[in-house]
Amino acid sequence: MQQPSSEEMRPEATESSAGVAPPGPEVYDLIALRAYEIYQQRGGAGGDELGDWFRAEAEVLASRGRRASGEADGETAAASSA
């Protein structure tokens, strides 16, 4: 399976409903790359793309000193352990 380019997958950078600007394109690229690495570590089996993304997001944002949305109430942590 070929990984889509980050340009094809990158959403529009708009302010979220919580009034917080989303991470910039470089953070999105880091999350996408990490999610793909997680997917490969699982043997390339489909079916848990969202879990891979949430886990990658939590890891990347934590490494940058930021909290992933939903982490405070356990949503991101629960998704990453699934």
C-alpha atoms as a PDB file:
ATOM      1  CA  MET A   1       0.000   0.000   0.000  1.00  0.00           C
ATOM      2  CA  GLN A   2       1.422   3.341  -1.029  1.00  0.00           C
ATOM      3  CA  GLN A   3       1.331   6.121   1.529  1.00  0.00           C
ATOM      4  CA  PRO A   4      -0.620   9.156   0.269  1.00  0.00           C
ATOM      5  CA  SER A   5       1.388  12.353   0.089  1.00  0.00           C
ATOM      6  CA  SER A   6       0.949  14.777   2.941  1.00  0.00           C
ATOM      7  CA  GLU A   7      -0.222  17.420   0.457  1.00  0.00           C
ATOM      8  CA  GLU A   8      -3.115  15.159  -0.617  1.00  0.00           C
ATOM      9  CA  MET A   9      -4.158  14.399   2.943  1.00  0.00           C
ATOM     10  CA  ARG A  10      -3.595  17.742   4.696  1.00  0.00           C
ATOM     11  CA  PRO A  11      -6.858  19.351   5.838  1.00  0.00           C
ATOM     12  CA  GLU A  12      -7.454  23.067   5.545  1.00  0.00           C
ATOM     13  CA  ALA A  13      -5.854  24.912   8.469  1.00  0.00           C
ATOM     14  CA  THR A  14      -8.810  26.581  10.128  1.00  0.00           C
ATOM     15  CA  GLU A  15      -9.545  27.521  13.682  1.00  0.00           C
ATOM     16  CA  SER A  16     -11.279  24.746  15.621  1.00  0.00           C
ATOM     17  CA  SER A  17     -14.639  25.164  17.310  1.00  0.00           C
ATOM     18  CA  ALA A  18     -12.767  25.504  20.616  1.00  0.00           C
ATOM     19  CA  GLY A  19     -11.028  28.615  19.273  1.00  0.00           C
ATOM     20  CA  VAL A  20      -7.619  26.960  19.100  1.00  0.00           C
ATOM     21  CA  ALA A  21      -5.635  26.998  15.882  1.00  0.00           C
ATOM     22  CA  PRO A  22      -4.737  23.494  14.669  1.00  0.00           C
ATOM     23  CA  PRO A  23      -1.090  22.416  14.489  1.00  0.00           C
ATOM     24  CA  GLY A  24       0.864  23.668  11.500  1.00  0.00           C
ATOM     25  CA  PRO A  25       1.695  21.607   8.419  1.00  0.00           C
ATOM     26  CA  GLU A  26       4.989  20.377   9.855  1.00  0.00           C
ATOM     27  CA  VAL A  27       3.191  18.850  12.854  1.00  0.00           C
ATOM     28  CA  TYR A  28       0.586  17.277  10.579  1.00  0.00           C
ATOM     29  CA  ASP A  29       3.396  15.698   8.539  1.00  0.00           C
ATOM     30  CA  LEU A  30       5.040  14.326  11.690  1.00  0.00           C
ATOM     31  CA  ILE A  31       1.743  12.819  12.843  1.00  0.00           C
ATOM     32  CA  ALA A  32       1.085  11.307   9.403  1.00  0.00           C
ATOM     33  CA  LEU A  33       4.556   9.779   9.295  1.00  0.00           C
ATOM     34  CA  ARG A  34       4.259   8.359  12.811  1.00  0.00           C
ATOM     35  CA  ALA A  35       0.780   6.944  12.074  1.00  0.00           C
ATOM     36  CA  TYR A  36       2.204   5.212   9.006  1.00  0.00           C
ATOM     37  CA  GLU A  37       5.072   3.777  11.085  1.00  0.00           C
ATOM     38  CA  ILE A  38       2.539   2.433  13.601  1.00  0.00           C
ATOM     39  CA  TYR A  39       0.536   0.914  10.729  1.00  0.00           C
ATOM     40  CA  GLN A  40       3.684  -0.800   9.438  1.00  0.00           C
ATOM     41  CA  GLN A  41       4.535  -2.071  12.931  1.00  0.00           C
ATOM     42  CA  ARG A  42       1.107  -3.713  13.017  1.00  0.00           C
ATOM     43  CA  GLY A  43       2.073  -5.622   9.875  1.00  0.00           C
ATOM     44  CA  GLY A  44       0.260  -3.338   7.454  1.00  0.00           C
ATOM     45  CA  ALA A  45      -3.142  -4.707   8.379  1.00  0.00           C
ATOM     46  CA  GLY A  46      -6.012  -2.272   7.855  1.00  0.00           C
ATOM     47  CA  GLY A  47      -8.853  -1.661  10.221  1.00  0.00           C
ATOM     48  CA  ASP A  48      -7.333   0.585  12.884  1.00  0.00           C
ATOM     49  CA  GLU A  49      -6.382   3.727  10.973  1.00  0.00           C
ATOM     50  CA  LEU A  50      -8.094   6.038  13.436  1.00  0.00           C
ATOM     51  CA  GLY A  51      -6.417   4.369  16.394  1.00  0.00           C
ATOM     52  CA  ASP A  52      -3.049   4.666  14.638  1.00  0.00           C
ATOM     53  CA  TRP A  53      -3.696   8.367  14.001  1.00  0.00           C
ATOM     54  CA  PHE A  54      -4.758   9.105  17.594  1.00  0.00           C
ATOM     55  CA  ARG A  55      -1.747   7.262  18.985  1.00  0.00           C
ATOM     56  CA  ALA A  56       0.607   9.098  16.618  1.00  0.00           C
ATOM     57  CA  GLU A  57      -1.019  12.446  17.432  1.00  0.00           C
ATOM     58  CA  ALA A  58      -0.635  11.866  21.158  1.00  0.00           C
ATOM     59  CA  GLU A  59       3.017  10.846  20.772  1.00  0.00           C
ATOM     60  CA  VAL A  60       3.960  13.742  18.501  1.00  0.00           C
ATOM     61  CA  LEU A  61       2.138  16.395  20.508  1.00  0.00           C
ATOM     62  CA  ALA A  62       3.534  15.038  23.784  1.00  0.00           C
ATOM     63  CA  SER A  63       7.046  15.142  22.357  1.00  0.00           C
ATOM     64  CA  ARG A  64       6.425  18.786  21.410  1.00  0.00           C
ATOM     65  CA  GLY A  65       5.125  19.659  24.875  1.00  0.00           C
ATOM     66  CA  ARG A  66       1.495  19.941  23.784  1.00  0.00           C
ATOM     67  CA  ARG A  67      -1.529  17.923  24.792  1.00  0.00           C
ATOM     68  CA  ALA A  68      -3.667  16.139  22.225  1.00  0.00           C
ATOM     69  CA  SER A  69      -7.290  17.191  22.188  1.00  0.00           C
ATOM     70  CA  GLY A  70      -9.328  14.904  24.427  1.00  0.00           C
ATOM     71  CA  GLU A  71      -6.316  13.643  26.355  1.00  0.00           C
ATOM     72  CA  ALA A  72      -7.483  15.254  29.583  1.00  0.00           C
ATOM     73  CA  ASP A  73     -10.622  13.135  29.655  1.00  0.00           C
ATOM     74  CA  GLY A  74      -8.872   9.963  28.497  1.00  0.00           C
ATOM     75  CA  GLU A  75     -10.191   9.763  24.918  1.00  0.00           C
ATOM     76  CA  THR A  76      -6.774   9.880  23.274  1.00  0.00           C
ATOM     77  CA  ALA A  77      -5.154   7.620  25.830  1.00  0.00           C
ATOM     78  CA  ALA A  78      -7.937   5.055  25.416  1.00  0.00           C
ATOM     79  CA  ALA A  79      -7.621   5.142  21.630  1.00  0.00           C
ATOM     80  CA  SER A  80      -3.853   4.665  21.788  1.00  0.00           C
ATOM     81  CA  SER A  81      -4.102   1.603  24.014  1.00  0.00           C
ATOM     82  CA  ALA A  82      -6.671  -0.128  21.795  1.00  0.00           C
END
